[in-house]
All heavy atoms as atom14 arrays in JSON, in Angstrom:
{
  "sequence": "LATVTALIAVLIAVLLAYSARLSRRAWPVLLNRTVGLGYAFPGSVIAV",
  "atom14_mask": [
    [1, 1, 1, 1, 1, 1, 1, 1, 0, 0, 0, 0, 0, 0],
    [1, 1, 1, 1, 1, 0, 0, 0, 0, 0, 0, 0, 0, 0],
    [1, 1, 1, 1, 1, 1, 1, 0, 0, 0, 0, 0, 0, 0],
    [1, 1, 1, 1, 1, 1, 1, 0, 0, 0, 0, 0, 0, 0],
    [1, 1, 1, 1, 1, 1, 1, 0, 0, 0, 0, 0, 0, 0],
    [1, 1, 1, 1, 1, 0, 0, 0, 0, 0, 0, 0, 0, 0],
    [1, 1, 1, 1, 1, 1, 1, 1, 0, 0, 0, 0, 0, 0],
    [1, 1, 1, 1, 1, 1, 1, 1, 0, 0, 0, 0, 0, 0],
    [1, 1, 1, 1, 1, 0, 0, 0, 0, 0, 0, 0, 0, 0],
    [1, 1, 1, 1, 1, 1, 1, 0, 0, 0, 0, 0, 0, 0],
    [1, 1, 1, 1, 1, 1, 1, 1, 0, 0, 0, 0, 0, 0],
    [1, 1, 1, 1, 1, 1, 1, 1, 0, 0, 0, 0, 0, 0],
    [1, 1, 1, 1, 1, 0, 0, 0, 0, 0, 0, 0, 0, 0],
    [1, 1, 1, 1, 1, 1, 1, 0, 0, 0, 0, 0, 0, 0],
    [1, 1, 1, 1, 1, 1, 1, 1, 0, 0, 0, 0, 0, 0],
    [1, 1, 1, 1, 1, 1, 1, 1, 0, 0, 0, 0, 0, 0],
    [1, 1, 1, 1, 1, 0, 0, 0, 0, 0, 0, 0, 0, 0],
    [1, 1, 1, 1, 1, 1, 1, 1, 1, 1, 1, 1, 0, 0],
    [1, 1, 1, 1, 1, 1, 0, 0, 0, 0, 0, 0, 0, 0],
    [1, 1, 1, 1, 1, 0, 0, 0, 0, 0, 0, 0, 0, 0],
    [1, 1, 1, 1, 1, 1, 1, 1, 1, 1, 1, 0, 0, 0],
    [1, 1, 1, 1, 1, 1, 1, 1, 0, 0, 0, 0, 0, 0],
    [1, 1, 1, 1, 1, 1, 0, 0, 0, 0, 0, 0, 0, 0],
    [1, 1, 1, 1, 1, 1, 1, 1, 1, 1, 1, 0, 0, 0],
    [1, 1, 1, 1, 1, 1, 1, 1, 1, 1, 1, 0, 0, 0],
    [1, 1, 1, 1, 1, 0, 0, 0, 0, 0, 0, 0, 0, 0],
    [1, 1, 1, 1, 1, 1, 1, 1, 1, 1, 1, 1, 1, 1],
    [1, 1, 1, 1, 1, 1, 1, 0, 0, 0, 0, 0, 0, 0],
    [1, 1, 1, 1, 1, 1, 1, 0, 0, 0, 0, 0, 0, 0],
    [1, 1, 1, 1, 1, 1, 1, 1, 0, 0, 0, 0, 0, 0],
    [1, 1, 1, 1, 1, 1, 1, 1, 0, 0, 0, 0, 0, 0],
    [1, 1, 1, 1, 1, 1, 1, 1, 0, 0, 0, 0, 0, 0],
    [1, 1, 1, 1, 1, 1, 1, 1, 1, 1, 1, 0, 0, 0],
    [1, 1, 1, 1, 1, 1, 1, 0, 0, 0, 0, 0, 0, 0],
    [1, 1, 1, 1, 1, 1, 1, 0, 0, 0, 0, 0, 0, 0],
    [1, 1, 1, 1, 0, 0, 0, 0, 0, 0, 0, 0, 0, 0],
    [1, 1, 1, 1, 1, 1, 1, 1, 0, 0, 0, 0, 0, 0],
    [1, 1, 1, 1, 0, 0, 0, 0, 0, 0, 0, 0, 0, 0],
    [1, 1, 1, 1, 1, 1, 1, 1, 1, 1, 1, 1, 0, 0],
    [1, 1, 1, 1, 1, 0, 0, 0, 0, 0, 0, 0, 0, 0],
    [1, 1, 1, 1, 1, 1, 1, 1, 1, 1, 1, 0, 0, 0],
    [1, 1, 1, 1, 1, 1, 1, 0, 0, 0, 0, 0, 0, 0],
    [1, 1, 1, 1, 0, 0, 0, 0, 0, 0, 0, 0, 0, 0],
    [1, 1, 1, 1, 1, 1, 0, 0, 0, 0, 0, 0, 0, 0],
    [1, 1, 1, 1, 1, 1, 1, 0, 0, 0, 0, 0, 0, 0],
    [1, 1, 1, 1, 1, 1, 1, 1, 0, 0, 0, 0, 0, 0],
    [1, 1, 1, 1, 1, 0, 0, 0, 0, 0, 0, 0, 0, 0],
    [1, 1, 1, 1, 1, 1, 1, 0, 0, 0, 0, 0, 0, 0]
  ],
  "atom14_positions": [
    [[12.23, -10.33, -10.49], [11.35, -9.16, -10.35], [10.11, -9.49, -9.54], [9.72, -8.74, -8.64], [10.96, -8.66, -11.74], [12.03, -7.94, -12.56], [11.51, -7.66, -13.97], [12.44, -6.64, -11.89], [0.0, 0.0, 0.0], [0.0, 0.0, 0.0], [0.0, 0.0, 0.0], [0.0, 0.0, 0.0], [0.0, 0.0, 0.0], [0.0, 0.0, 0.0]],
    [[9.46, -10.61, -9.87], [8.22, -10.97, -9.19], [8.46, -11.3, -7.72], [7.68, -10.9, -6.85], [7.56, -12.14, -9.9], [0.0, 0.0, 0.0], [0.0, 0.0, 0.0], [0.0, 0.0, 0.0], [0.0, 0.0, 0.0], [0.0, 0.0, 0.0], [0.0, 0.0, 0.0], [0.0, 0.0, 0.0], [0.0, 0.0, 0.0], [0.0, 0.0, 0.0]],
    [[9.54, -12.02, -7.43], [9.82, -12.41, -6.05], [10.18, -11.22, -5.19], [9.64, -11.05, -4.07], [10.96, -13.45, -6.02], [10.6, -14.58, -6.81], [11.23, -13.9, -4.59], [0.0, 0.0, 0.0], [0.0, 0.0, 0.0], [0.0, 0.0, 0.0], [0.0, 0.0, 0.0], [0.0, 0.0, 0.0], [0.0, 0.0, 0.0], [0.0, 0.0, 0.0]],
    [[11.07, -10.36, -5.66], [11.48, -9.19, -4.88], [10.28, -8.27, -4.65], [10.06, -7.77, -3.53], [12.62, -8.44, -5.6], [12.93, -7.13, -4.89], [13.86, -9.31, -5.65], [0.0, 0.0, 0.0], [0.0, 0.0, 0.0], [0.0, 0.0, 0.0], [0.0, 0.0, 0.0], [0.0, 0.0, 0.0], [0.0, 0.0, 0.0], [0.0, 0.0, 0.0]],
    [[9.49, -8.03, -5.69], [8.32, -7.17, -5.54], [7.32, -7.77, -4.57], [6.75, -7.05, -3.74], [7.66, -6.95, -6.91], [8.61, -6.43, -7.83], [6.51, -5.97, -6.79], [0.0, 0.0, 0.0], [0.0, 0.0, 0.0], [0.0, 0.0, 0.0], [0.0, 0.0, 0.0], [0.0, 0.0, 0.0], [0.0, 0.0, 0.0], [0.0, 0.0, 0.0]],
    [[7.08, -9.08, -4.66], [6.12, -9.72, -3.76], [6.58, -9.64, -2.31], [5.77, -9.35, -1.41], [5.91, -11.17, -4.18], [0.0, 0.0, 0.0], [0.0, 0.0, 0.0], [0.0, 0.0, 0.0], [0.0, 0.0, 0.0], [0.0, 0.0, 0.0], [0.0, 0.0, 0.0], [0.0, 0.0, 0.0], [0.0, 0.0, 0.0], [0.0, 0.0, 0.0]],
    [[7.86, -9.88, -2.05], [8.35, -9.82, -0.68], [8.24, -8.41, -0.11], [7.79, -8.22, 1.03], [9.81, -10.3, -0.63], [10.04, -11.78, -0.92], [11.54, -12.09, -0.94], [9.35, -12.65, 0.13], [0.0, 0.0, 0.0], [0.0, 0.0, 0.0], [0.0, 0.0, 0.0], [0.0, 0.0, 0.0], [0.0, 0.0, 0.0], [0.0, 0.0, 0.0]],
    [[8.65, -7.41, -0.89], [8.56, -6.03, -0.41], [7.1, -5.61, -0.22], [6.75, -4.94, 0.76], [9.28, -5.07, -1.39], [10.76, -5.43, -1.47], [9.11, -3.63, -0.95], [11.52, -4.6, -2.5], [0.0, 0.0, 0.0], [0.0, 0.0, 0.0], [0.0, 0.0, 0.0], [0.0, 0.0, 0.0], [0.0, 0.0, 0.0], [0.0, 0.0, 0.0]],
    [[6.24, -6.01, -1.15], [4.83, -5.65, -1.05], [4.18, -6.25, 0.2], [3.4, -5.58, 0.89], [4.08, -6.11, -2.3], [0.0, 0.0, 0.0], [0.0, 0.0, 0.0], [0.0, 0.0, 0.0], [0.0, 0.0, 0.0], [0.0, 0.0, 0.0], [0.0, 0.0, 0.0], [0.0, 0.0, 0.0], [0.0, 0.0, 0.0], [0.0, 0.0, 0.0]],
    [[4.5, -7.49, 0.51], [3.93, -8.12, 1.71], [4.47, -7.44, 2.97], [3.71, -7.18, 3.92], [4.25, -9.63, 1.71], [3.88, -10.25, 3.06], [3.5, -10.33, 0.59], [0.0, 0.0, 0.0], [0.0, 0.0, 0.0], [0.0, 0.0, 0.0], [0.0, 0.0, 0.0], [0.0, 0.0, 0.0], [0.0, 0.0, 0.0], [0.0, 0.0, 0.0]],
    [[5.76, -7.13, 3.0], [6.33, -6.44, 4.16], [5.68, -5.08, 4.38], [5.28, -4.73, 5.5], [7.84, -6.28, 3.96], [8.58, -5.49, 5.05], [8.44, -6.18, 6.4], [10.06, -5.33, 4.68], [0.0, 0.0, 0.0], [0.0, 0.0, 0.0], [0.0, 0.0, 0.0], [0.0, 0.0, 0.0], [0.0, 0.0, 0.0], [0.0, 0.0, 0.0]],
    [[5.54, -4.3, 3.31], [4.91, -2.99, 3.43], [3.44, -3.13, 3.83], [2.93, -2.35, 4.64], [5.05, -2.22, 2.11], [6.51, -1.89, 1.83], [4.22, -0.94, 2.13], [6.74, -1.23, 0.49], [0.0, 0.0, 0.0], [0.0, 0.0, 0.0], [0.0, 0.0, 0.0], [0.0, 0.0, 0.0], [0.0, 0.0, 0.0], [0.0, 0.0, 0.0]],
    [[2.75, -4.12, 3.28], [1.34, -4.32, 3.61], [1.17, -4.63, 5.09], [0.23, -4.12, 5.74], [0.77, -5.45, 2.76], [0.0, 0.0, 0.0], [0.0, 0.0, 0.0], [0.0, 0.0, 0.0], [0.0, 0.0, 0.0], [0.0, 0.0, 0.0], [0.0, 0.0, 0.0], [0.0, 0.0, 0.0], [0.0, 0.0, 0.0], [0.0, 0.0, 0.0]],
    [[2.05, -5.45, 5.65], [1.97, -5.75, 7.08], [2.2, -4.49, 7.91], [1.47, -4.23, 8.88], [2.99, -6.85, 7.45], [3.07, -7.02, 8.96], [2.62, -8.17, 6.79], [0.0, 0.0, 0.0], [0.0, 0.0, 0.0], [0.0, 0.0, 0.0], [0.0, 0.0, 0.0], [0.0, 0.0, 0.0], [0.0, 0.0, 0.0], [0.0, 0.0, 0.0]],
    [[3.18, -3.69, 7.53], [3.45, -2.45, 8.28], [2.28, -1.49, 8.22], [1.87, -0.92, 9.24], [4.72, -1.79, 7.73], [6.03, -2.55, 7.92], [7.18, -1.8, 7.25], [6.34, -2.77, 9.39], [0.0, 0.0, 0.0], [0.0, 0.0, 0.0], [0.0, 0.0, 0.0], [0.0, 0.0, 0.0], [0.0, 0.0, 0.0], [0.0, 0.0, 0.0]],
    [[1.71, -1.31, 7.03], [0.59, -0.37, 6.89], [-0.66, -0.87, 7.61], [-1.34, -0.1, 8.3], [0.29, -0.15, 5.41], [1.35, 0.59, 4.59], [0.93, 0.68, 3.13], [1.61, 1.97, 5.15], [0.0, 0.0, 0.0], [0.0, 0.0, 0.0], [0.0, 0.0, 0.0], [0.0, 0.0, 0.0], [0.0, 0.0, 0.0], [0.0, 0.0, 0.0]],
    [[-0.98, -2.13, 7.44], [-2.18, -2.67, 8.07], [-2.06, -2.67, 9.59], [-3.01, -2.35, 10.31], [-2.45, -4.08, 7.55], [0.0, 0.0, 0.0], [0.0, 0.0, 0.0], [0.0, 0.0, 0.0], [0.0, 0.0, 0.0], [0.0, 0.0, 0.0], [0.0, 0.0, 0.0], [0.0, 0.0, 0.0], [0.0, 0.0, 0.0], [0.0, 0.0, 0.0]],
    [[-0.88, -3.0, 10.09], [-0.7, -3.05, 11.55], [-0.67, -1.64, 12.14], [-1.19, -1.43, 13.25], [0.59, -3.79, 11.88], [0.74, -4.11, 13.34], [-0.23, -4.85, 14.01], [1.85, -3.68, 14.06], [-0.1, -5.16, 15.35], [2.0, -3.98, 15.4], [1.02, -4.71, 16.04], [1.15, -5.0, 17.38], [0.0, 0.0, 0.0], [0.0, 0.0, 0.0]],
    [[-0.1, -0.68, 11.45], [-0.11, 0.69, 11.96], [-1.52, 1.25, 12.0], [-1.89, 1.96, 12.94], [0.78, 1.58, 11.08], [0.26, 1.68, 9.77], [0.0, 0.0, 0.0], [0.0, 0.0, 0.0], [0.0, 0.0, 0.0], [0.0, 0.0, 0.0], [0.0, 0.0, 0.0], [0.0, 0.0, 0.0], [0.0, 0.0, 0.0], [0.0, 0.0, 0.0]],
    [[-2.36, 0.92, 11.02], [-3.75, 1.35, 11.05], [-4.52, 0.67, 12.18], [-5.41, 1.26, 12.79], [-4.42, 1.06, 9.71], [0.0, 0.0, 0.0], [0.0, 0.0, 0.0], [0.0, 0.0, 0.0], [0.0, 0.0, 0.0], [0.0, 0.0, 0.0], [0.0, 0.0, 0.0], [0.0, 0.0, 0.0], [0.0, 0.0, 0.0], [0.0, 0.0, 0.0]],
    [[-4.15, -0.56, 12.49], [-4.82, -1.28, 13.59], [-4.46, -0.66, 14.94], [-5.31, -0.56, 15.83], [-4.41, -2.74, 13.55], [-5.03, -3.61, 14.65], [-4.47, -5.03, 14.58], [-4.98, -5.88, 15.64], [-6.06, -6.64, 15.55], [-6.75, -6.64, 14.42], [-6.46, -7.39, 16.55], [0.0, 0.0, 0.0], [0.0, 0.0, 0.0], [0.0, 0.0, 0.0]],
    [[-3.21, -0.23, 15.07], [-2.77, 0.34, 16.35], [-3.34, 1.73, 16.58], [-3.57, 2.13, 17.72], [-1.24, 0.39, 16.4], [-0.5, -0.94, 16.43], [1.0, -0.7, 16.41], [-0.89, -1.76, 17.65], [0.0, 0.0, 0.0], [0.0, 0.0, 0.0], [0.0, 0.0, 0.0], [0.0, 0.0, 0.0], [0.0, 0.0, 0.0], [0.0, 0.0, 0.0]],
    [[-3.54, 2.49, 15.52], [-3.98, 3.87, 15.66], [-5.48, 3.93, 15.91], [-6.25, 3.15, 15.37], [-3.63, 4.67, 14.41], [-4.1, 5.99, 14.51], [0.0, 0.0, 0.0], [0.0, 0.0, 0.0], [0.0, 0.0, 0.0], [0.0, 0.0, 0.0], [0.0, 0.0, 0.0], [0.0, 0.0, 0.0], [0.0, 0.0, 0.0], [0.0, 0.0, 0.0]],
    [[-5.88, 4.89, 16.73], [-7.29, 5.11, 16.99], [-7.84, 6.25, 16.14], [-8.98, 6.67, 16.34], [-7.51, 5.43, 18.47], [-7.11, 4.29, 19.4], [-7.31, 4.68, 20.86], [-6.91, 3.6, 21.76], [-7.72, 2.63, 22.17], [-8.98, 2.62, 21.77], [-7.29, 1.69, 22.98], [0.0, 0.0, 0.0], [0.0, 0.0, 0.0], [0.0, 0.0, 0.0]],
    [[-7.04, 6.78, 15.26], [-7.46, 7.88, 14.42], [-7.84, 7.37, 13.03], [-7.52, 6.25, 12.65], [-6.36, 8.94, 14.33], [-5.96, 9.52, 15.69], [-4.84, 10.54, 15.53], [-4.44, 11.1, 16.81], [-3.53, 10.58, 17.61], [-2.91, 9.47, 17.26], [-3.24, 11.16, 18.76], [0.0, 0.0, 0.0], [0.0, 0.0, 0.0], [0.0, 0.0, 0.0]],
    [[-8.47, 8.25, 12.27], [-8.96, 7.85, 10.95], [-7.93, 8.04, 9.86], [-8.01, 7.39, 8.82], [-10.23, 8.65, 10.61], [0.0, 0.0, 0.0], [0.0, 0.0, 0.0], [0.0, 0.0, 0.0], [0.0, 0.0, 0.0], [0.0, 0.0, 0.0], [0.0, 0.0, 0.0], [0.0, 0.0, 0.0], [0.0, 0.0, 0.0], [0.0, 0.0, 0.0]],
    [[-6.95, 8.92, 10.09], [-6.06, 9.25, 8.98], [-5.12, 8.12, 8.57], [-4.75, 8.03, 7.39], [-5.28, 10.53, 9.26], [-4.33, 10.48, 10.42], [-4.58, 10.82, 11.71], [-2.96, 10.09, 10.37], [-3.47, 10.65, 12.48], [-2.45, 10.21, 11.68], [-2.1, 9.65, 9.37], [-1.14, 9.9, 12.0], [-0.8, 9.33, 9.69], [-0.33, 9.47, 10.99]],
    [[-4.7, 7.18, 9.46], [-3.93, 6.04, 8.95], [-4.73, 5.19, 7.96], [-4.18, 4.67, 6.98], [-3.57, 5.26, 10.21], [-3.59, 6.27, 11.29], [-4.71, 7.19, 10.94], [0.0, 0.0, 0.0], [0.0, 0.0, 0.0], [0.0, 0.0, 0.0], [0.0, 0.0, 0.0], [0.0, 0.0, 0.0], [0.0, 0.0, 0.0], [0.0, 0.0, 0.0]],
    [[-6.03, 5.06, 8.22], [-6.88, 4.33, 7.27], [-6.95, 5.08, 5.94], [-6.94, 4.48, 4.86], [-8.29, 4.13, 7.87], [-9.19, 3.4, 6.87], [-8.2, 3.34, 9.18], [0.0, 0.0, 0.0], [0.0, 0.0, 0.0], [0.0, 0.0, 0.0], [0.0, 0.0, 0.0], [0.0, 0.0, 0.0], [0.0, 0.0, 0.0], [0.0, 0.0, 0.0]],
    [[-7.03, 6.42, 6.02], [-7.04, 7.23, 4.8], [-5.74, 7.07, 4.02], [-5.75, 7.01, 2.78], [-7.27, 8.7, 5.17], [-7.3, 9.69, 4.0], [-8.45, 9.36, 3.06], [-7.44, 11.12, 4.52], [0.0, 0.0, 0.0], [0.0, 0.0, 0.0], [0.0, 0.0, 0.0], [0.0, 0.0, 0.0], [0.0, 0.0, 0.0], [0.0, 0.0, 0.0]],
    [[-4.62, 6.97, 4.72], [-3.34, 6.73, 4.05], [-3.35, 5.39, 3.31], [-2.85, 5.29, 2.19], [-2.2, 6.77, 5.06], [-1.79, 8.13, 5.61], [-0.69, 7.97, 6.65], [-1.32, 9.05, 4.49], [0.0, 0.0, 0.0], [0.0, 0.0, 0.0], [0.0, 0.0, 0.0], [0.0, 0.0, 0.0], [0.0, 0.0, 0.0], [0.0, 0.0, 0.0]],
    [[-3.9, 4.38, 3.95], [-3.97, 3.07, 3.29], [-4.84, 3.11, 2.05], [-4.56, 2.45, 1.05], [-4.5, 2.02, 4.26], [-3.48, 1.66, 5.32], [-2.36, 2.17, 5.31], [-3.85, 0.79, 6.24], [0.0, 0.0, 0.0], [0.0, 0.0, 0.0], [0.0, 0.0, 0.0], [0.0, 0.0, 0.0], [0.0, 0.0, 0.0], [0.0, 0.0, 0.0]],
    [[-5.93, 3.9, 2.1], [-6.77, 4.04, 0.9], [-6.01, 4.77, -0.2], [-6.18, 4.49, -1.39], [-8.05, 4.79, 1.25], [-8.94, 4.13, 2.28], [-9.66, 2.9, 1.76], [-8.8, 1.72, 1.65], [-8.45, 0.96, 2.67], [-8.88, 1.24, 3.88], [-7.68, -0.09, 2.49], [0.0, 0.0, 0.0], [0.0, 0.0, 0.0], [0.0, 0.0, 0.0]],
    [[-5.17, 5.74, 0.19], [-4.36, 6.44, -0.8], [-3.38, 5.48, -1.47], [-3.18, 5.51, -2.69], [-3.59, 7.59, -0.13], [-4.51, 8.48, 0.5], [-2.76, 8.35, -1.15], [0.0, 0.0, 0.0], [0.0, 0.0, 0.0], [0.0, 0.0, 0.0], [0.0, 0.0, 0.0], [0.0, 0.0, 0.0], [0.0, 0.0, 0.0], [0.0, 0.0, 0.0]],
    [[-2.77, 4.61, -0.67], [-1.86, 3.61, -1.23], [-2.6, 2.69, -2.19], [-2.07, 2.29, -3.23], [-1.22, 2.79, -0.09], [-0.46, 1.6, -0.63], [-0.3, 3.68, 0.73], [0.0, 0.0, 0.0], [0.0, 0.0, 0.0], [0.0, 0.0, 0.0], [0.0, 0.0, 0.0], [0.0, 0.0, 0.0], [0.0, 0.0, 0.0], [0.0, 0.0, 0.0]],
    [[-3.85, 2.39, -1.88], [-4.62, 1.49, -2.72], [-5.03, 2.06, -4.06], [-5.48, 1.32, -4.94], [0.0, 0.0, 0.0], [0.0, 0.0, 0.0], [0.0, 0.0, 0.0], [0.0, 0.0, 0.0], [0.0, 0.0, 0.0], [0.0, 0.0, 0.0], [0.0, 0.0, 0.0], [0.0, 0.0, 0.0], [0.0, 0.0, 0.0], [0.0, 0.0, 0.0]],
    [[-4.87, 3.36, -4.26], [-5.26, 3.96, -5.53], [-4.37, 3.51, -6.69], [-4.77, 3.61, -7.84], [-5.21, 5.49, -5.43], [-6.29, 6.15, -4.55], [-6.05, 7.64, -4.48], [-7.68, 5.84, -5.09], [0.0, 0.0, 0.0], [0.0, 0.0, 0.0], [0.0, 0.0, 0.0], [0.0, 0.0, 0.0], [0.0, 0.0, 0.0], [0.0, 0.0, 0.0]],
    [[-3.16, 3.05, -6.39], [-2.24, 2.68, -7.46], [-2.79, 1.6, -8.36], [-2.51, 1.59, -9.57], [0.0, 0.0, 0.0], [0.0, 0.0, 0.0], [0.0, 0.0, 0.0], [0.0, 0.0, 0.0], [0.0, 0.0, 0.0], [0.0, 0.0, 0.0], [0.0, 0.0, 0.0], [0.0, 0.0, 0.0], [0.0, 0.0, 0.0], [0.0, 0.0, 0.0]],
    [[-3.58, 0.67, -7.82], [-4.1, -0.43, -8.63], [-5.12, 0.05, -9.65], [-5.36, -0.63, -10.65], [-4.74, -1.48, -7.72], [-5.0, -2.79, -8.42], [-3.95, -3.62, -8.79], [-6.28, -3.21, -8.71], [-4.18, -4.82, -9.43], [-6.53, -4.4, -9.35], [-5.47, -5.21, -9.71], [-5.7, -6.4, -10.35], [0.0, 0.0, 0.0], [0.0, 0.0, 0.0]],
    [[-5.72, 1.22, -9.39], [-6.72, 1.76, -10.32], [-6.1, 2.38, -11.56], [-6.81, 2.68, -12.51], [-7.6, 2.78, -9.6], [0.0, 0.0, 0.0], [0.0, 0.0, 0.0], [0.0, 0.0, 0.0], [0.0, 0.0, 0.0], [0.0, 0.0, 0.0], [0.0, 0.0, 0.0], [0.0, 0.0, 0.0], [0.0, 0.0, 0.0], [0.0, 0.0, 0.0]],
    [[-4.79, 2.61, -11.55], [-4.14, 3.3, -12.66], [-3.38, 2.3, -13.53], [-2.73, 1.39, -13.03], [-3.18, 4.37, -12.14], [-3.86, 5.41, -11.31], [-3.49, 5.63, -9.99], [-4.88, 6.17, -11.85], [-4.13, 6.58, -9.23], [-5.52, 7.13, -11.08], [-5.15, 7.34, -9.78], [0.0, 0.0, 0.0], [0.0, 0.0, 0.0], [0.0, 0.0, 0.0]],
    [[-3.46, 2.49, -14.84], [-2.75, 1.57, -15.76], [-1.25, 1.6, -15.56], [-0.68, 2.61, -15.1], [-3.14, 2.11, -17.15], [-4.39, 2.89, -16.93], [-4.28, 3.46, -15.55], [0.0, 0.0, 0.0], [0.0, 0.0, 0.0], [0.0, 0.0, 0.0], [0.0, 0.0, 0.0], [0.0, 0.0, 0.0], [0.0, 0.0, 0.0], [0.0, 0.0, 0.0]],
    [[-0.6, 0.51, -15.93], [0.84, 0.42, -15.77], [1.59, 1.45, -16.58], [2.63, 1.95, -16.15], [0.0, 0.0, 0.0], [0.0, 0.0, 0.0], [0.0, 0.0, 0.0], [0.0, 0.0, 0.0], [0.0, 0.0, 0.0], [0.0, 0.0, 0.0], [0.0, 0.0, 0.0], [0.0, 0.0, 0.0], [0.0, 0.0, 0.0], [0.0, 0.0, 0.0]],
    [[1.06, 1.8, -17.77], [1.73, 2.81, -18.58], [1.69, 4.18, -17.92], [2.67, 4.95, -17.99], [1.06, 2.89, -19.95], [-0.33, 3.15, -19.83], [0.0, 0.0, 0.0], [0.0, 0.0, 0.0], [0.0, 0.0, 0.0], [0.0, 0.0, 0.0], [0.0, 0.0, 0.0], [0.0, 0.0, 0.0], [0.0, 0.0, 0.0], [0.0, 0.0, 0.0]],
    [[0.59, 4.51, -17.24], [0.49, 5.78, -16.53], [1.48, 5.82, -15.38], [2.2, 6.81, -15.17], [-0.94, 6.01, -16.02], [-1.03, 7.26, -15.15], [-1.91, 6.12, -17.19], [0.0, 0.0, 0.0], [0.0, 0.0, 0.0], [0.0, 0.0, 0.0], [0.0, 0.0, 0.0], [0.0, 0.0, 0.0], [0.0, 0.0, 0.0], [0.0, 0.0, 0.0]],
    [[1.54, 4.74, -14.62], [2.46, 4.69, -13.49], [3.9, 4.73, -13.97], [4.77, 5.37, -13.34], [2.18, 3.42, -12.65], [0.81, 3.56, -11.97], [3.27, 3.2, -11.61], [0.39, 2.34, -11.2], [0.0, 0.0, 0.0], [0.0, 0.0, 0.0], [0.0, 0.0, 0.0], [0.0, 0.0, 0.0], [0.0, 0.0, 0.0], [0.0, 0.0, 0.0]],
    [[4.19, 4.06, -15.08], [5.56, 4.08, -15.61], [5.99, 5.49, -15.98], [7.09, 5.93, -15.64], [5.65, 3.16, -16.83], [0.0, 0.0, 0.0], [0.0, 0.0, 0.0], [0.0, 0.0, 0.0], [0.0, 0.0, 0.0], [0.0, 0.0, 0.0], [0.0, 0.0, 0.0], [0.0, 0.0, 0.0], [0.0, 0.0, 0.0], [0.0, 0.0, 0.0]],
    [[5.1, 6.22, -16.65], [5.42, 7.61, -17.0], [5.57, 8.44, -15.73], [6.49, 9.26, -15.6], [4.32, 8.18, -17.92], [4.53, 9.69, -18.13], [4.32, 7.47, -19.26], [0.0, 0.0, 0.0], [0.0, 0.0, 0.0], [0.0, 0.0, 0.0], [0.0, 0.0, 0.0], [0.0, 0.0, 0.0], [0.0, 0.0, 0.0], [0.0, 0.0, 0.0]]
  ]
}
Protein backbone atom coordinates (compact mmCIF):
# COMPACT_ATOMS: atom_id res chain seq x y z
CA LEU A 1 0.00 0.00 0.00
CA ALA A 2 2.69 2.49 0.98
CA THR A 3 4.91 1.79 -2.03
CA VAL A 4 2.14 1.94 -4.64
CA THR A 5 0.69 5.11 -3.12
CA ALA A 6 4.11 6.78 -2.90
CA LEU A 7 4.97 5.98 -6.53
CA ILE A 8 1.62 7.24 -7.85
CA ALA A 9 1.76 10.33 -5.64
CA VAL A 10 5.24 11.27 -6.88
CA LEU A 11 4.22 10.72 -10.51
CA ILE A 12 1.11 12.87 -10.13
CA ALA A 13 3.07 15.53 -8.24
CA VAL A 14 5.59 15.80 -11.08
CA LEU A 15 2.81 16.14 -13.66
CA LEU A 16 0.95 18.80 -11.67
CA ALA A 17 4.02 20.81 -10.74
CA TYR A 18 5.43 20.72 -14.27
CA SER A 19 2.11 21.67 -15.88
CA ALA A 20 1.88 24.69 -13.56
CA ARG A 21 5.44 25.64 -14.49
CA LEU A 22 4.67 25.49 -18.20
CA SER A 23 1.46 27.50 -17.98
CA ARG A 24 1.51 31.28 -17.85
CA ARG A 25 -1.95 31.42 -16.33
CA ALA A 26 -2.98 31.40 -12.70
CA TRP A 27 -5.58 28.66 -12.78
CA PRO A 28 -3.13 25.69 -12.93
CA VAL A 29 -1.66 26.99 -9.67
CA LEU A 30 -5.21 27.22 -8.28
CA LEU A 31 -5.78 23.59 -9.28
CA ASN A 32 -2.66 22.56 -7.38
CA ARG A 33 -3.92 24.40 -4.30
CA THR A 34 -7.21 22.53 -4.65
CA VAL A 35 -5.33 19.24 -4.73
CA GLY A 36 -3.46 20.30 -1.61
CA LEU A 37 -6.67 20.66 0.41
CA GLY A 38 -6.86 16.90 0.93
CA TYR A 39 -4.15 16.96 3.61
CA ALA A 40 -6.27 19.34 5.70
CA PHE A 41 -9.08 16.79 6.03
CA PRO A 42 -9.01 13.83 8.43
CA GLY A 43 -8.68 10.34 7.04
CA SER A 44 -12.10 9.36 8.35
CA VAL A 45 -13.73 12.23 6.43
CA ILE A 46 -11.94 11.30 3.23
CA ALA A 47 -12.83 7.63 3.70
CA VAL A 48 -16.52 8.47 4.01
